[in-house]
Amino acid sequence: MEKESTECVFCKIARDVNTRKIYENDNFFSIYDIKPIVKGHSLVISKKHFKTILDIPNSLTQELLDCIKKTAFSLIKKNKEEFGFNIINNNFKIAGQIVDHVHFHILPRERNDGIKIVC
């Protein structure tokens, strides 16, 4: 784990008790993305400063999955039609990581939404 950064935007959000969260447990929380790619685009973020998924201790993976699942269930509950979603995690700049603080994108999907995910 890297030392928490006073400049890290996600560390600042984690410290802000007034942040509107979709879900929260002891080590992770989820919020709506401020620049959504699709309606409902959400982020699952670690409360502690870890740069990538490789830095998250194995002991926290259950809480991480809990936060991802509870966030996805919340999005499903709000959707009245068919529902699908992608979970995306970029690690290091070369793979598209913009904020150097581990986070996961949850992208709700609709039929024929035009979003192309290449795997």
N, C-alpha and C. Protein backbone atom coordinates (compact mmCIF):
# COMPACT_ATOMS: atom_id res chain seq x y z
N MET A 1 0.85 -1.18 0.00
CA MET A 1 0.00 0.00 0.00
C MET A 1 0.88 1.23 0.00
N GLU A 2 0.57 2.13 -0.90
CA GLU A 2 1.26 3.40 -0.92
C GLU A 2 0.68 4.30 0.16
N LYS A 3 1.44 5.29 0.57
CA LYS A 3 0.97 6.25 1.54
C LYS A 3 -0.16 7.07 0.92
N GLU A 4 -1.20 7.31 1.71
CA GLU A 4 -2.32 8.11 1.25
C GLU A 4 -1.82 9.45 0.75
N SER A 5 -2.31 9.86 -0.37
CA SER A 5 -1.89 11.11 -0.98
C SER A 5 -2.88 12.22 -0.64
N THR A 6 -2.38 13.35 -0.23
CA THR A 6 -3.25 14.50 0.02
C THR A 6 -3.77 15.07 -1.30
N GLU A 7 -3.11 14.73 -2.40
CA GLU A 7 -3.50 15.22 -3.71
C GLU A 7 -4.43 14.26 -4.44
N CYS A 8 -4.51 13.01 -4.00
CA CYS A 8 -5.31 11.99 -4.69
C CYS A 8 -6.80 12.31 -4.56
N VAL A 9 -7.47 12.45 -5.70
CA VAL A 9 -8.88 12.82 -5.70
C VAL A 9 -9.73 11.75 -5.00
N PHE A 10 -9.40 10.47 -5.16
CA PHE A 10 -10.20 9.43 -4.52
C PHE A 10 -9.95 9.36 -3.02
N CYS A 11 -8.73 9.68 -2.58
CA CYS A 11 -8.46 9.76 -1.14
C CYS A 11 -9.28 10.89 -0.52
N LYS A 12 -9.38 12.01 -1.24
CA LYS A 12 -10.18 13.14 -0.75
C LYS A 12 -11.66 12.76 -0.66
N ILE A 13 -12.17 12.07 -1.67
CA ILE A 13 -13.57 11.65 -1.66
C ILE A 13 -13.81 10.66 -0.52
N ALA A 14 -12.87 9.74 -0.30
CA ALA A 14 -13.02 8.75 0.78
C ALA A 14 -13.09 9.42 2.15
N ARG A 15 -12.37 10.51 2.33
CA ARG A 15 -12.35 11.22 3.62
C ARG A 15 -13.59 12.10 3.82
N ASP A 16 -14.27 12.45 2.75
CA ASP A 16 -15.41 13.37 2.82
C ASP A 16 -16.66 12.61 3.27
N VAL A 17 -17.07 12.82 4.52
CA VAL A 17 -18.23 12.11 5.05
C VAL A 17 -19.53 12.51 4.36
N ASN A 18 -19.53 13.63 3.66
CA ASN A 18 -20.74 14.10 2.99
C ASN A 18 -20.89 13.56 1.57
N THR A 19 -19.92 12.78 1.11
CA THR A 19 -20.00 12.21 -0.23
C THR A 19 -21.23 11.31 -0.33
N ARG A 20 -22.01 11.51 -1.36
CA ARG A 20 -23.20 10.67 -1.58
C ARG A 20 -22.76 9.32 -2.14
N LYS A 21 -22.90 8.30 -1.35
CA LYS A 21 -22.43 6.96 -1.73
C LYS A 21 -23.59 6.07 -2.10
N ILE A 22 -23.37 5.20 -3.06
CA ILE A 22 -24.36 4.19 -3.42
C ILE A 22 -24.33 3.08 -2.38
N TYR A 23 -23.11 2.66 -2.03
CA TYR A 23 -22.91 1.59 -1.04
C TYR A 23 -21.56 1.82 -0.38
N GLU A 24 -21.43 1.29 0.85
CA GLU A 24 -20.18 1.45 1.58
C GLU A 24 -20.03 0.31 2.57
N ASN A 25 -18.81 -0.21 2.69
CA ASN A 25 -18.47 -1.14 3.76
C ASN A 25 -17.20 -0.61 4.42
N ASP A 26 -16.52 -1.41 5.20
CA ASP A 26 -15.37 -0.91 5.96
C ASP A 26 -14.21 -0.42 5.08
N ASN A 27 -14.01 -1.03 3.91
CA ASN A 27 -12.82 -0.72 3.11
C ASN A 27 -13.08 -0.22 1.69
N PHE A 28 -14.33 -0.22 1.25
CA PHE A 28 -14.66 0.20 -0.11
C PHE A 28 -15.97 0.98 -0.10
N PHE A 29 -16.16 1.80 -1.13
CA PHE A 29 -17.42 2.51 -1.30
C PHE A 29 -17.68 2.68 -2.78
N SER A 30 -18.91 2.98 -3.13
CA SER A 30 -19.24 3.23 -4.54
C SER A 30 -19.99 4.55 -4.66
N ILE A 31 -19.74 5.21 -5.79
CA ILE A 31 -20.36 6.49 -6.11
C ILE A 31 -20.67 6.49 -7.61
N TYR A 32 -21.50 7.42 -8.03
CA TYR A 32 -21.72 7.61 -9.46
C TYR A 32 -20.55 8.39 -10.04
N ASP A 33 -20.11 8.01 -11.23
CA ASP A 33 -19.02 8.69 -11.92
C ASP A 33 -19.48 10.10 -12.30
N ILE A 34 -18.61 11.11 -12.10
CA ILE A 34 -19.00 12.49 -12.44
C ILE A 34 -18.97 12.75 -13.95
N LYS A 35 -18.32 11.86 -14.70
CA LYS A 35 -18.31 11.96 -16.16
C LYS A 35 -18.75 10.60 -16.74
N PRO A 36 -20.04 10.28 -16.58
CA PRO A 36 -20.50 8.94 -16.96
C PRO A 36 -20.43 8.67 -18.46
N ILE A 37 -20.04 7.46 -18.79
CA ILE A 37 -20.05 7.00 -20.17
C ILE A 37 -21.47 6.59 -20.55
N VAL A 38 -22.19 6.01 -19.59
CA VAL A 38 -23.59 5.61 -19.76
C VAL A 38 -24.34 5.98 -18.48
N LYS A 39 -25.66 6.03 -18.55
CA LYS A 39 -26.48 6.33 -17.39
C LYS A 39 -26.23 5.26 -16.31
N GLY A 40 -25.95 5.70 -15.09
CA GLY A 40 -25.70 4.78 -13.99
C GLY A 40 -24.25 4.37 -13.81
N HIS A 41 -23.36 4.86 -14.68
CA HIS A 41 -21.92 4.54 -14.59
C HIS A 41 -21.45 4.84 -13.17
N SER A 42 -20.93 3.81 -12.51
CA SER A 42 -20.54 3.92 -11.10
C SER A 42 -19.09 3.51 -10.92
N LEU A 43 -18.52 3.93 -9.81
CA LEU A 43 -17.15 3.57 -9.44
C LEU A 43 -17.15 2.90 -8.09
N VAL A 44 -16.41 1.81 -7.96
CA VAL A 44 -16.13 1.18 -6.68
C VAL A 44 -14.68 1.54 -6.35
N ILE A 45 -14.48 2.14 -5.18
CA ILE A 45 -13.18 2.73 -4.82
C ILE A 45 -12.74 2.23 -3.45
N SER A 46 -11.46 1.95 -3.31
CA SER A 46 -10.93 1.57 -2.00
C SER A 46 -10.80 2.81 -1.13
N LYS A 47 -11.08 2.66 0.16
CA LYS A 47 -10.95 3.78 1.09
C LYS A 47 -9.48 4.07 1.37
N LYS A 48 -8.66 3.03 1.38
CA LYS A 48 -7.23 3.20 1.57
C LYS A 48 -6.58 3.39 0.21
N HIS A 49 -5.45 4.04 0.19
CA HIS A 49 -4.78 4.32 -1.07
C HIS A 49 -3.95 3.12 -1.53
N PHE A 50 -4.51 2.40 -2.52
CA PHE A 50 -3.81 1.35 -3.23
C PHE A 50 -3.74 1.80 -4.68
N LYS A 51 -2.60 1.69 -5.30
CA LYS A 51 -2.46 2.17 -6.68
C LYS A 51 -3.20 1.29 -7.68
N THR A 52 -3.01 -0.02 -7.60
CA THR A 52 -3.65 -0.95 -8.55
C THR A 52 -4.23 -2.13 -7.79
N ILE A 53 -4.92 -2.98 -8.50
CA ILE A 53 -5.49 -4.19 -7.90
C ILE A 53 -4.40 -5.08 -7.31
N LEU A 54 -3.19 -4.99 -7.85
CA LEU A 54 -2.08 -5.81 -7.35
C LEU A 54 -1.68 -5.41 -5.93
N ASP A 55 -2.03 -4.21 -5.52
CA ASP A 55 -1.66 -3.71 -4.20
C ASP A 55 -2.70 -4.01 -3.12
N ILE A 56 -3.89 -4.45 -3.52
CA ILE A 56 -4.94 -4.75 -2.54
C ILE A 56 -4.60 -6.07 -1.84
N PRO A 57 -4.56 -6.07 -0.52
CA PRO A 57 -4.29 -7.33 0.20
C PRO A 57 -5.40 -8.36 -0.08
N ASN A 58 -5.03 -9.61 -0.19
CA ASN A 58 -6.00 -10.67 -0.43
C ASN A 58 -7.09 -10.69 0.63
N SER A 59 -6.76 -10.26 1.84
CA SER A 59 -7.74 -10.26 2.93
C SER A 59 -8.91 -9.31 2.68
N LEU A 60 -8.77 -8.38 1.73
CA LEU A 60 -9.84 -7.41 1.44
C LEU A 60 -10.70 -7.79 0.24
N THR A 61 -10.37 -8.89 -0.43
CA THR A 61 -11.08 -9.21 -1.67
C THR A 61 -12.56 -9.51 -1.44
N GLN A 62 -12.91 -10.08 -0.29
CA GLN A 62 -14.31 -10.36 -0.01
C GLN A 62 -15.11 -9.06 0.11
N GLU A 63 -14.52 -8.07 0.78
CA GLU A 63 -15.19 -6.77 0.89
C GLU A 63 -15.27 -6.06 -0.46
N LEU A 64 -14.25 -6.22 -1.28
CA LEU A 64 -14.28 -5.63 -2.63
C LEU A 64 -15.43 -6.23 -3.43
N LEU A 65 -15.52 -7.56 -3.44
CA LEU A 65 -16.59 -8.22 -4.18
C LEU A 65 -17.96 -7.84 -3.62
N ASP A 66 -18.06 -7.72 -2.30
CA ASP A 66 -19.30 -7.29 -1.67
C ASP A 66 -19.73 -5.93 -2.20
N CYS A 67 -18.80 -4.99 -2.27
CA CYS A 67 -19.12 -3.64 -2.74
C CYS A 67 -19.52 -3.64 -4.21
N ILE A 68 -18.81 -4.40 -5.03
CA ILE A 68 -19.15 -4.51 -6.45
C ILE A 68 -20.56 -5.09 -6.61
N LYS A 69 -20.84 -6.18 -5.91
CA LYS A 69 -22.15 -6.84 -6.04
C LYS A 69 -23.29 -5.95 -5.52
N LYS A 70 -23.11 -5.34 -4.37
CA LYS A 70 -24.18 -4.50 -3.80
C LYS A 70 -24.44 -3.29 -4.70
N THR A 71 -23.40 -2.75 -5.28
CA THR A 71 -23.57 -1.63 -6.21
C THR A 71 -24.33 -2.09 -7.45
N ALA A 72 -23.94 -3.23 -8.01
CA ALA A 72 -24.63 -3.76 -9.20
C ALA A 72 -26.10 -4.07 -8.88
N PHE A 73 -26.38 -4.67 -7.72
CA PHE A 73 -27.77 -4.94 -7.33
C PHE A 73 -28.57 -3.65 -7.21
N SER A 74 -27.96 -2.60 -6.69
CA SER A 74 -28.63 -1.31 -6.60
C SER A 74 -28.99 -0.78 -7.98
N LEU A 75 -28.07 -0.92 -8.93
CA LEU A 75 -28.33 -0.47 -10.30
C LEU A 75 -29.41 -1.32 -10.96
N ILE A 76 -29.39 -2.62 -10.72
CA ILE A 76 -30.41 -3.52 -11.28
C ILE A 76 -31.78 -3.13 -10.76
N LYS A 77 -31.87 -2.84 -9.47
CA LYS A 77 -33.14 -2.49 -8.84
C LYS A 77 -33.76 -1.24 -9.46
N LYS A 78 -32.91 -0.30 -9.90
CA LYS A 78 -33.39 0.95 -10.51
C LYS A 78 -33.81 0.77 -11.97
N ASN A 79 -33.38 -0.32 -12.60
CA ASN A 79 -33.64 -0.54 -14.01
C ASN A 79 -34.87 -1.42 -14.17
N LYS A 80 -35.82 -0.99 -14.98
CA LYS A 80 -37.06 -1.74 -15.16
C LYS A 80 -37.02 -2.66 -16.38
N GLU A 81 -36.04 -2.51 -17.22
CA GLU A 81 -35.92 -3.31 -18.44
C GLU A 81 -34.88 -4.40 -18.26
N GLU A 82 -34.47 -4.98 -19.37
CA GLU A 82 -33.34 -5.92 -19.34
C GLU A 82 -32.13 -5.20 -18.79
N PHE A 83 -31.27 -5.93 -18.13
CA PHE A 83 -30.12 -5.28 -17.52
C PHE A 83 -28.90 -6.17 -17.65
N GLY A 84 -27.80 -5.53 -17.98
CA GLY A 84 -26.50 -6.18 -17.98
C GLY A 84 -25.49 -5.14 -17.53
N PHE A 85 -24.29 -5.57 -17.25
CA PHE A 85 -23.27 -4.60 -16.85
C PHE A 85 -21.89 -5.16 -17.10
N ASN A 86 -20.95 -4.25 -17.26
CA ASN A 86 -19.53 -4.59 -17.35
C ASN A 86 -18.84 -4.05 -16.11
N ILE A 87 -17.83 -4.79 -15.66
CA ILE A 87 -16.95 -4.33 -14.59
C ILE A 87 -15.59 -4.14 -15.23
N ILE A 88 -15.06 -2.94 -15.14
CA ILE A 88 -13.78 -2.63 -15.78
C ILE A 88 -12.81 -2.08 -14.74
N ASN A 89 -11.59 -2.61 -14.77
CA ASN A 89 -10.54 -2.15 -13.87
C ASN A 89 -9.28 -1.97 -14.69
N ASN A 90 -8.82 -0.73 -14.82
CA ASN A 90 -7.59 -0.43 -15.56
C ASN A 90 -6.42 -0.34 -14.57
N ASN A 91 -5.32 -0.96 -14.91
CA ASN A 91 -4.15 -0.96 -14.03
C ASN A 91 -2.94 -0.43 -14.78
N PHE A 92 -2.40 0.66 -14.29
CA PHE A 92 -1.26 1.38 -14.85
C PHE A 92 -1.68 2.19 -16.08
N LYS A 93 -0.96 3.26 -16.32
CA LYS A 93 -1.30 4.21 -17.39
C LYS A 93 -1.40 3.56 -18.76
N ILE A 94 -0.50 2.62 -19.05
CA ILE A 94 -0.49 1.99 -20.37
C ILE A 94 -1.80 1.23 -20.64
N ALA A 95 -2.50 0.83 -19.57
CA ALA A 95 -3.77 0.12 -19.70
C ALA A 95 -4.97 1.05 -19.52
N GLY A 96 -4.71 2.36 -19.44
CA GLY A 96 -5.80 3.32 -19.37
C GLY A 96 -6.14 3.85 -18.00
N GLN A 97 -5.34 3.52 -16.97
CA GLN A 97 -5.62 4.04 -15.62
C GLN A 97 -5.27 5.52 -15.58
N ILE A 98 -6.24 6.35 -15.25
CA ILE A 98 -6.04 7.78 -15.21
C ILE A 98 -5.74 8.25 -13.79
N VAL A 99 -6.51 7.76 -12.82
CA VAL A 99 -6.29 8.11 -11.41
C VAL A 99 -5.49 6.98 -10.77
N ASP A 100 -4.36 7.30 -10.17
CA ASP A 100 -3.50 6.29 -9.56
C ASP A 100 -4.01 5.87 -8.18
N HIS A 101 -5.24 5.39 -8.15
CA HIS A 101 -5.89 4.88 -6.95
C HIS A 101 -6.85 3.81 -7.47
N VAL A 102 -6.72 2.59 -6.97
CA VAL A 102 -7.49 1.49 -7.53
C VAL A 102 -9.00 1.78 -7.48
N HIS A 103 -9.65 1.51 -8.59
CA HIS A 103 -11.10 1.68 -8.69
C HIS A 103 -11.63 0.81 -9.82
N PHE A 104 -12.90 0.51 -9.73
CA PHE A 104 -13.57 -0.35 -10.70
C PHE A 104 -14.77 0.40 -11.26
N HIS A 105 -14.90 0.37 -12.57
CA HIS A 105 -16.05 0.99 -13.23
C HIS A 105 -17.13 -0.07 -13.38
N ILE A 106 -18.36 0.29 -13.03
CA ILE A 106 -19.51 -0.57 -13.31
C ILE A 106 -20.33 0.18 -14.35
N LEU A 107 -20.43 -0.42 -15.53
CA LEU A 107 -21.14 0.20 -16.65
C LEU A 107 -22.43 -0.55 -16.93
N PRO A 108 -23.58 0.03 -16.55
CA PRO A 108 -24.85 -0.60 -16.91
C PRO A 108 -24.99 -0.64 -18.43
N ARG A 109 -25.57 -1.70 -18.93
CA ARG A 109 -25.70 -1.86 -20.38
C ARG A 109 -27.16 -2.02 -20.79
N GLU A 110 -27.47 -1.48 -21.93
CA GLU A 110 -28.78 -1.63 -22.54
C GLU A 110 -28.61 -2.25 -23.92
N ARG A 111 -29.60 -2.91 -24.38
CA ARG A 111 -29.55 -3.50 -25.72
C ARG A 111 -29.29 -2.40 -26.75
N ASN A 112 -28.36 -2.64 -27.65
CA ASN A 112 -28.02 -1.70 -28.74
C ASN A 112 -27.59 -0.33 -28.22
N ASP A 113 -26.84 -0.30 -27.12
CA ASP A 113 -26.39 0.99 -26.57
C ASP A 113 -25.19 1.58 -27.30
N GLY A 114 -24.60 0.82 -28.21
CA GLY A 114 -23.50 1.33 -29.01
C GLY A 114 -22.15 1.30 -28.33
N ILE A 115 -22.09 0.86 -27.08
CA ILE A 115 -20.80 0.79 -26.35
C ILE A 115 -20.09 -0.49 -26.79
N LYS A 116 -18.84 -0.34 -27.17
CA LYS A 116 -18.03 -1.49 -27.60
C LYS A 116 -16.95 -1.73 -26.56
N ILE A 117 -16.94 -2.92 -25.98
CA ILE A 117 -15.92 -3.33 -25.04
C ILE A 117 -15.08 -4.39 -25.73
N VAL A 118 -13.79 -4.14 -25.83
CA VAL A 118 -12.89 -5.10 -26.49
C VAL A 118 -12.14 -5.88 -25.42
N CYS A 119 -12.21 -7.18 -25.49
CA CYS A 119 -11.51 -8.03 -24.52
C CYS A 119 -10.56 -8.96 -25.23
